[in-house]
Amino acid sequence: MQFKQIVGQAAVKQRLINTVKENRVSHAQLFLGPEGSGSLALAIAYAQYLSCLDQQPEDSCGECSSCRKYQKLAHPDLHFSYPFFAKHKDDTAITFIDHWREALLATPYLSLDIWRSYLDAENKQANINIAECHQIIKKLSFKPFESEYKILILWLPEYLDKEGNSLLKIIEEPQPNTLFLLVAQNQDQILNTILSRTQLVKVPALTYDDIYNELIINYNQTEKAAAELAYLSNGNFTDAVLMMQQDDKSYHSLFVQWLRLCFGNKGIEMVSFVDQLSKMGRENQKNFLRYGISFVRECCLLIAGAGELVHLPAGELDTAQKLSSIMNIEMNQAIIAELEKAHYHVERNANPKILFLDVSLQIMGFLKLKSSPQGNQYISN
């Protein structure tokens, strides 16, 4: 993995390169960024750059023996630790290393759900157990084999329970030229004893333009498709790629049709439309609701007079402006809350017909009667 293969994050890349040039490489670093920001990819690219035998001013060479091994995730001085779904108490990350390499080579923008799909996870909970902690200590007790640095990348340290305290000594007093790179999404869920011993590298969510350009240049998406995916993903490149693999749906036209049916109080047509939504499949339903949440938020910006912050294609912007003329912020906030609640229940397998019909009735009330949002319970299958 080279820096040039990572979407956006130019400032973070430059900061990491500068630590190497200025000989300021901290032995324990925490790459903290939301899902889909590329924090894991950055950690791997940083490790490859540190180990490269012919470092270039802005990236690893990609051609030396070290880089070739890194590109296969098979360098003897590169180690990984990650949450897994243990079948036996002695299982460690090495038990699942072939699956890990397969998943990571397919996409460095991993999520726990994607990683789960590569394993026979059943209903097990992911964690990093005490056996893995002992294995980490063992791995890092030896000197580098080929490179200047021995590097361990620990993905999602949030899944380290109190057993993680066994790592404190090796984090604080590692062997010479041993680096500990943690890649996390939620700082509050990391053991404070570990957090206090690391140098923070903040990785922000990707921008709309970063995702939009990447989808056009490297994923052959049309401008319209790239704009919608970049808009829906809200800075999460993992989500953008997953949505790209779903059936092609025009969420905008569907959502606007839904709002018009709600505003017109068209009961019979609404039942037919709800039936259509219920047959879309769970992932498309989630994407549809996610689009609706984002679209209504853009309408809020227009109502508030912050049109310069709106990211909508011309046709969708025109629709948003028309809707904003007949809606107010309180009404939009009520609709957003209802859509977010629906998204939550779709993820938990709510009955789609009952859910979308109930949400439709709620939105009708907001648009026509200007009623206050009410709590709802959805019946699950």
Protein backbone atom coordinates (compact mmCIF):
# COMPACT_ATOMS: atom_id res chain seq x y z
CA MET A 1 0.00 0.00 0.00
CA GLN A 2 1.41 3.35 -1.09
CA PHE A 3 0.19 6.79 -0.04
CA LYS A 4 -0.83 7.55 -3.61
CA GLN A 5 -3.36 4.68 -3.50
CA ILE A 6 -5.22 6.23 -0.57
CA VAL A 7 -8.21 8.48 -1.19
CA GLY A 8 -7.63 12.09 -0.08
CA GLN A 9 -5.99 12.77 3.32
CA ALA A 10 -3.17 14.87 1.81
CA ALA A 11 -2.42 16.69 5.08
CA VAL A 12 -2.18 13.47 7.11
CA LYS A 13 0.06 11.86 4.50
CA GLN A 14 2.42 14.83 4.56
CA ARG A 15 2.55 14.82 8.34
CA LEU A 16 3.49 11.14 8.40
CA ILE A 17 6.17 11.59 5.75
CA ASN A 18 7.61 14.52 7.69
CA THR A 19 8.00 12.40 10.84
CA VAL A 20 10.27 10.09 8.88
CA LYS A 21 12.26 12.87 7.19
CA GLU A 22 12.74 14.69 10.51
CA ASN A 23 13.49 11.50 12.46
CA ARG A 24 10.50 12.01 14.76
CA VAL A 25 8.92 8.56 14.49
CA SER A 26 7.06 7.77 17.71
CA HIS A 27 7.20 4.14 18.81
CA ALA A 28 3.46 4.05 19.67
CA GLN A 29 0.91 5.91 17.52
CA LEU A 30 -2.87 5.91 17.41
CA PHE A 31 -4.48 6.49 14.00
CA LEU A 32 -7.92 7.73 15.00
CA GLY A 33 -10.52 8.19 12.30
CA PRO A 34 -14.16 7.31 11.53
CA GLU A 35 -15.05 4.24 9.49
CA GLY A 36 -14.23 4.70 5.80
CA SER A 37 -11.70 7.48 6.39
CA GLY A 38 -8.72 5.33 5.37
CA SER A 39 -6.95 5.20 8.74
CA LEU A 40 -6.01 1.52 8.34
CA ALA A 41 -4.72 2.14 4.81
CA LEU A 42 -2.67 5.09 6.09
CA ALA A 43 -1.09 2.96 8.82
CA ILE A 44 -0.09 0.30 6.28
CA ALA A 45 1.26 2.88 3.81
CA TYR A 46 3.22 4.52 6.65
CA ALA A 47 4.71 1.17 7.65
CA GLN A 48 5.66 0.47 4.03
CA TYR A 49 7.27 3.90 3.72
CA LEU A 50 9.31 3.34 6.89
CA SER A 51 10.54 -0.01 5.59
CA CYS A 52 11.13 1.04 1.97
CA LEU A 53 14.72 0.56 0.78
CA ASP A 54 14.47 3.48 -1.68
CA GLN A 55 12.24 6.10 -0.08
CA GLN A 56 11.00 8.79 -2.45
CA PRO A 57 10.27 12.36 -1.31
CA GLU A 58 6.50 11.75 -1.14
CA ASP A 59 6.04 7.97 -1.09
CA SER A 60 7.61 4.54 -0.91
CA CYS A 61 9.17 3.35 -4.16
CA GLY A 62 6.78 0.42 -4.64
CA GLU A 63 9.49 -1.60 -6.39
CA CYS A 64 12.12 -2.67 -3.84
CA SER A 65 12.01 -6.09 -2.21
CA SER A 66 10.49 -4.64 0.95
CA CYS A 67 7.69 -2.86 -0.92
CA ARG A 68 6.86 -5.96 -2.94
CA LYS A 69 6.47 -7.96 0.27
CA TYR A 70 4.35 -5.22 1.81
CA GLN A 71 2.07 -5.22 -1.20
CA LYS A 72 1.34 -8.89 -0.47
CA LEU A 73 1.09 -8.18 3.28
CA ALA A 74 3.79 -10.80 3.72
CA HIS A 75 6.78 -8.88 5.05
CA PRO A 76 8.46 -10.74 7.97
CA ASP A 77 8.66 -7.53 10.01
CA LEU A 78 5.02 -6.55 9.49
CA HIS A 79 2.54 -8.01 11.97
CA PHE A 80 -1.20 -7.53 12.40
CA SER A 81 -3.57 -7.87 15.30
CA TYR A 82 -7.34 -7.46 14.99
CA PRO A 83 -10.66 -8.54 16.51
CA PHE A 84 -11.73 -12.07 15.60
CA PHE A 85 -14.46 -14.54 16.47
CA ALA A 86 -12.66 -17.16 18.50
CA LYS A 87 -13.81 -20.76 18.37
CA HIS A 88 -11.23 -21.89 20.92
CA LYS A 89 -9.66 -20.03 23.82
CA ASP A 90 -6.19 -20.45 22.27
CA ASP A 91 -7.17 -18.84 18.94
CA THR A 92 -5.12 -15.78 18.01
CA ALA A 93 -4.99 -13.42 15.04
CA ILE A 94 -2.53 -15.74 13.30
CA THR A 95 -5.29 -18.39 13.19
CA PHE A 96 -7.18 -16.14 10.76
CA ILE A 97 -4.25 -14.53 8.93
CA ASP A 98 -5.13 -15.99 5.50
CA HIS A 99 -8.65 -14.56 5.74
CA TRP A 100 -7.23 -11.26 6.97
CA ARG A 101 -4.87 -10.92 4.01
CA GLU A 102 -7.67 -11.82 1.60
CA ALA A 103 -10.00 -9.21 3.11
CA LEU A 104 -7.36 -6.49 3.33
CA LEU A 105 -6.06 -7.07 -0.20
CA ALA A 106 -9.64 -6.83 -1.48
CA THR A 107 -10.09 -3.45 0.25
CA PRO A 108 -8.04 -1.62 2.88
CA TYR A 109 -11.28 0.26 3.74
CA LEU A 110 -12.46 -2.54 6.00
CA SER A 111 -15.38 -2.41 8.38
CA LEU A 112 -16.10 -4.98 11.05
CA ASP A 113 -19.13 -6.16 9.05
CA ILE A 114 -16.98 -6.78 5.97
CA TRP A 115 -14.38 -8.59 8.10
CA ARG A 116 -17.14 -10.72 9.66
CA SER A 117 -18.24 -11.84 6.19
CA TYR A 118 -14.83 -13.47 5.64
CA LEU A 119 -15.19 -15.62 8.77
CA ASP A 120 -17.53 -18.22 10.17
CA ALA A 121 -18.62 -15.72 12.80
CA GLU A 122 -22.10 -17.12 13.53
CA ASN A 123 -23.41 -15.12 16.53
CA LYS A 124 -20.04 -14.79 18.26
CA GLN A 125 -18.81 -11.44 19.53
CA ALA A 126 -15.55 -10.06 18.14
CA ASN A 127 -12.74 -9.45 20.61
CA ILE A 128 -8.97 -9.44 21.08
CA ASN A 129 -8.37 -12.08 23.74
CA ILE A 130 -5.62 -12.65 26.28
CA ALA A 131 -4.02 -15.31 24.08
CA GLU A 132 -3.61 -12.69 21.35
CA CYS A 133 -2.11 -10.21 23.83
CA HIS A 134 0.50 -12.82 24.80
CA GLN A 135 1.16 -13.46 21.10
CA ILE A 136 1.71 -9.73 20.51
CA ILE A 137 4.25 -9.58 23.34
CA LYS A 138 6.04 -12.59 21.87
CA LYS A 139 6.12 -11.13 18.35
CA LEU A 140 7.52 -7.82 19.52
CA SER A 141 10.16 -9.28 21.80
CA PHE A 142 12.42 -10.08 18.84
CA LYS A 143 14.58 -7.72 16.80
CA PRO A 144 13.63 -6.78 13.22
CA PHE A 145 14.40 -9.54 10.75
CA GLU A 146 14.96 -7.65 7.47
CA SER A 147 13.95 -4.01 7.84
CA GLU A 148 15.06 -1.23 10.10
CA TYR A 149 11.70 -1.44 11.90
CA LYS A 150 9.52 -4.22 13.27
CA ILE A 151 5.93 -2.96 13.04
CA LEU A 152 2.69 -4.22 14.54
CA ILE A 153 -0.60 -2.74 13.32
CA LEU A 154 -3.45 -3.31 15.78
CA TRP A 155 -6.83 -2.68 14.16
CA LEU A 156 -9.71 -1.65 16.44
CA PRO A 157 -8.10 -1.61 19.92
CA GLU A 158 -11.61 -0.83 21.16
CA TYR A 159 -12.05 -4.62 21.29
CA LEU A 160 -9.26 -4.99 23.82
CA ASP A 161 -10.81 -5.58 27.20
CA LYS A 162 -8.91 -5.35 30.49
CA GLU A 163 -6.54 -7.99 29.07
CA GLY A 164 -5.06 -5.13 27.07
CA ASN A 165 -3.29 -3.93 30.19
CA SER A 166 -0.85 -6.81 29.70
CA LEU A 167 0.49 -4.84 26.69
CA LEU A 168 1.36 -1.71 28.64
CA LYS A 169 4.98 -2.59 29.33
CA ILE A 170 5.81 -3.47 25.73
CA ILE A 171 4.04 -0.32 24.48
CA GLU A 172 5.89 1.88 26.95
CA GLU A 173 9.27 0.14 26.73
CA PRO A 174 9.47 -1.64 23.38
CA GLN A 175 12.51 -3.26 21.83
CA PRO A 176 14.64 -0.81 19.76
CA ASN A 177 13.11 0.05 16.35
CA THR A 178 9.79 -1.56 17.25
CA LEU A 179 6.66 0.37 16.29
CA PHE A 180 3.15 -0.10 17.63
CA LEU A 181 0.47 1.41 15.32
CA LEU A 182 -3.08 1.32 16.64
CA VAL A 183 -5.97 2.04 14.27
CA ALA A 184 -9.19 3.05 16.03
CA GLN A 185 -12.59 4.60 15.37
CA ASN A 186 -13.81 5.48 18.86
CA GLN A 187 -11.38 7.04 21.30
CA ASP A 188 -13.79 6.72 24.24
CA GLN A 189 -13.82 2.92 23.99
CA ILE A 190 -10.04 2.49 24.21
CA LEU A 191 -8.44 1.63 27.54
CA ASN A 192 -7.16 4.88 29.05
CA THR A 193 -3.96 3.14 30.10
CA ILE A 194 -3.21 2.40 26.44
CA LEU A 195 -4.49 5.73 25.14
CA SER A 196 -2.17 7.71 27.39
CA ARG A 197 0.87 5.90 26.00
CA THR A 198 0.28 6.68 22.32
CA GLN A 199 0.81 9.68 20.05
CA LEU A 200 -2.43 10.69 18.36
CA VAL A 201 -2.74 10.89 14.56
CA LYS A 202 -6.18 12.31 13.75
CA VAL A 203 -7.67 11.12 10.46
CA PRO A 204 -10.73 13.17 9.42
CA ALA A 205 -13.68 11.88 7.43
CA LEU A 206 -13.21 12.19 3.68
CA THR A 207 -14.64 15.20 1.88
CA TYR A 208 -17.40 15.07 -0.70
CA ASP A 209 -14.89 16.03 -3.43
CA ASP A 210 -12.42 13.31 -2.37
CA ILE A 211 -15.02 10.56 -2.77
CA TYR A 212 -16.61 12.08 -5.87
CA ASN A 213 -13.30 12.31 -7.74
CA GLU A 214 -12.16 8.85 -6.67
CA LEU A 215 -15.36 7.23 -7.90
CA ILE A 216 -15.08 8.90 -11.30
CA ILE A 217 -11.35 8.36 -11.83
CA ASN A 218 -10.84 4.84 -10.43
CA TYR A 219 -14.32 3.31 -10.30
CA ASN A 220 -15.68 4.46 -13.67
CA GLN A 221 -18.81 6.03 -12.21
CA THR A 222 -20.80 8.61 -14.11
CA GLU A 223 -20.85 12.14 -12.70
CA LYS A 224 -24.45 11.69 -11.57
CA ALA A 225 -23.77 8.36 -9.86
CA ALA A 226 -20.57 9.63 -8.25
CA ALA A 227 -22.35 12.74 -6.96
CA GLU A 228 -25.14 10.70 -5.37
CA LEU A 229 -22.77 8.16 -3.82
CA ALA A 230 -20.44 10.85 -2.47
CA TYR A 231 -23.44 12.66 -1.05
CA LEU A 232 -24.98 9.55 0.55
CA SER A 233 -21.74 8.18 2.00
CA ASN A 234 -21.19 11.28 4.16
CA GLY A 235 -17.40 10.92 4.17
CA ASN A 236 -17.36 7.12 4.53
CA PHE A 237 -15.62 5.56 1.52
CA THR A 238 -16.49 2.06 2.73
CA ASP A 239 -20.18 2.94 2.47
CA ALA A 240 -19.67 4.54 -0.95
CA VAL A 241 -18.17 1.33 -2.37
CA LEU A 242 -20.84 -0.87 -0.79
CA MET A 243 -23.64 1.33 -2.15
CA MET A 244 -22.03 1.26 -5.58
CA GLN A 245 -22.44 -2.53 -5.55
CA GLN A 246 -26.16 -2.31 -4.85
CA ASP A 247 -28.82 -2.24 -7.55
CA ASP A 248 -28.92 1.06 -9.41
CA LYS A 249 -31.71 3.09 -7.80
CA SER A 250 -32.67 6.70 -8.23
CA TYR A 251 -33.12 7.48 -4.56
CA HIS A 252 -33.81 11.13 -5.32
CA SER A 253 -36.84 10.53 -7.54
CA LEU A 254 -38.16 7.88 -5.14
CA PHE A 255 -37.79 10.13 -2.11
CA VAL A 256 -39.38 13.16 -3.78
CA GLN A 257 -42.26 10.96 -4.96
CA TRP A 258 -42.71 9.80 -1.36
CA LEU A 259 -42.80 13.38 -0.03
CA ARG A 260 -45.35 14.38 -2.68
CA LEU A 261 -47.61 11.47 -1.79
CA CYS A 262 -47.33 12.42 1.88
CA PHE A 263 -48.05 16.09 1.19
CA GLY A 264 -51.00 15.20 -1.05
CA ASN A 265 -52.38 12.79 1.57
CA LYS A 266 -52.87 10.20 -1.16
CA GLY A 267 -53.73 7.12 0.91
CA ILE A 268 -54.40 4.52 -1.80
CA GLU A 269 -51.34 5.51 -3.84
CA MET A 270 -49.27 5.55 -0.64
CA VAL A 271 -50.13 1.91 0.12
CA SER A 272 -48.91 0.93 -3.35
CA PHE A 273 -45.72 2.99 -2.92
CA VAL A 274 -45.03 1.46 0.50
CA ASP A 275 -45.35 -1.98 -1.08
CA GLN A 276 -42.71 -0.94 -3.63
CA LEU A 277 -40.36 0.23 -0.87
CA SER A 278 -40.83 -2.99 1.10
CA LYS A 279 -39.56 -5.03 -1.86
CA MET A 280 -36.33 -3.04 -2.36
CA GLY A 281 -34.23 -5.19 -0.02
CA ARG A 282 -32.75 -4.11 3.29
CA GLU A 283 -29.54 -2.50 1.95
CA ASN A 284 -31.42 -0.42 -0.62
CA GLN A 285 -33.97 0.56 2.02
CA LYS A 286 -31.15 1.75 4.28
CA ASN A 287 -29.57 3.70 1.41
CA PHE A 288 -32.95 5.19 0.51
CA LEU A 289 -33.48 6.40 4.07
CA ARG A 290 -29.90 7.63 4.32
CA TYR A 291 -30.44 9.65 1.15
CA GLY A 292 -33.65 11.10 2.57
CA ILE A 293 -31.91 12.16 5.79
CA SER A 294 -29.13 13.88 3.85
CA PHE A 295 -31.54 15.55 1.42
CA VAL A 296 -33.77 16.98 4.15
CA ARG A 297 -30.67 18.27 5.98
CA GLU A 298 -29.68 20.12 2.81
CA CYS A 299 -33.17 21.64 2.77
CA CYS A 300 -32.54 22.84 6.33
CA LEU A 301 -29.39 24.61 5.15
CA LEU A 302 -31.33 26.33 2.38
CA ILE A 303 -34.03 27.48 4.82
CA ALA A 304 -31.34 28.77 7.18
CA GLY A 305 -29.78 30.81 4.36
CA ALA A 306 -26.61 28.68 4.14
CA GLY A 307 -26.98 27.72 0.49
CA GLU A 308 -23.21 27.93 -0.07
CA LEU A 309 -22.82 24.81 2.12
CA VAL A 310 -25.25 22.71 0.06
CA HIS A 311 -23.80 19.86 -2.05
CA LEU A 312 -26.53 18.84 -4.48
CA PRO A 313 -26.57 18.33 -8.28
CA ALA A 314 -28.46 21.02 -10.17
CA GLY A 315 -31.71 19.06 -10.60
CA GLU A 316 -31.83 17.99 -6.96
CA LEU A 317 -30.95 21.50 -5.79
CA ASP A 318 -33.90 22.90 -7.73
CA THR A 319 -36.23 20.40 -6.04
CA ALA A 320 -34.76 21.19 -2.62
CA GLN A 321 -35.32 24.92 -3.16
CA LYS A 322 -38.97 24.33 -4.08
CA LEU A 323 -39.54 22.12 -1.04
CA SER A 324 -37.79 24.61 1.24
CA SER A 325 -40.29 27.28 0.27
CA ILE A 326 -43.17 25.28 1.80
CA MET A 327 -41.35 23.71 4.76
CA ASN A 328 -39.73 25.04 7.92
CA ILE A 329 -36.76 23.88 9.96
CA GLU A 330 -38.91 22.37 12.75
CA MET A 331 -40.86 20.32 10.23
CA ASN A 332 -37.63 19.13 8.57
CA GLN A 333 -36.10 18.21 11.92
CA ALA A 334 -39.15 16.11 12.75
CA ILE A 335 -38.90 14.30 9.40
CA ILE A 336 -35.15 13.68 9.89
CA ALA A 337 -35.79 12.20 13.35
CA GLU A 338 -38.43 9.87 11.90
CA LEU A 339 -36.15 8.75 9.06
CA GLU A 340 -33.26 8.11 11.45
CA LYS A 341 -35.56 6.03 13.63
CA ALA A 342 -36.70 4.07 10.56
CA HIS A 343 -33.08 3.45 9.50
CA TYR A 344 -32.38 2.07 12.99
CA HIS A 345 -35.30 -0.36 12.72
CA VAL A 346 -34.47 -1.44 9.16
CA GLU A 347 -31.04 -2.49 10.42
CA ARG A 348 -32.82 -4.63 13.00
CA ASN A 349 -35.11 -6.38 10.52
CA ALA A 350 -38.34 -4.50 11.21
CA ASN A 351 -41.35 -5.46 9.11
CA PRO A 352 -40.84 -3.09 6.11
CA LYS A 353 -44.52 -2.66 5.18
CA ILE A 354 -45.55 -1.69 8.70
CA LEU A 355 -42.46 0.49 9.15
CA PHE A 356 -42.75 2.50 5.92
CA LEU A 357 -46.52 2.89 6.27
CA ASP A 358 -46.12 4.21 9.82
CA VAL A 359 -43.35 6.61 8.77
CA SER A 360 -45.49 7.79 5.86
CA LEU A 361 -48.36 8.60 8.21
CA GLN A 362 -46.00 10.48 10.51
CA ILE A 363 -44.60 12.55 7.61
CA MET A 364 -48.14 13.26 6.41
CA GLY A 365 -48.85 14.71 9.82
CA PHE A 366 -45.73 16.87 9.77
CA LEU A 367 -46.40 18.20 6.27
CA LYS A 368 -50.15 18.58 6.31
CA LEU A 369 -51.18 18.92 9.93
CA LYS A 370 -47.87 20.22 11.31
CA SER A 371 -48.19 17.80 14.22
CA SER A 372 -45.44 16.96 16.71
CA PRO A 373 -43.43 13.74 16.29
CA GLN A 374 -44.71 10.80 18.30
CA GLY A 375 -42.82 7.73 19.50
CA ASN A 376 -43.45 4.58 17.49
CA GLN A 377 -42.92 0.88 17.88
CA TYR A 378 -42.37 -1.26 14.82
CA ILE A 379 -43.24 -4.93 14.67
CA SER A 380 -40.25 -7.13 13.76
CA ASN A 381 -40.40 -10.28 11.71
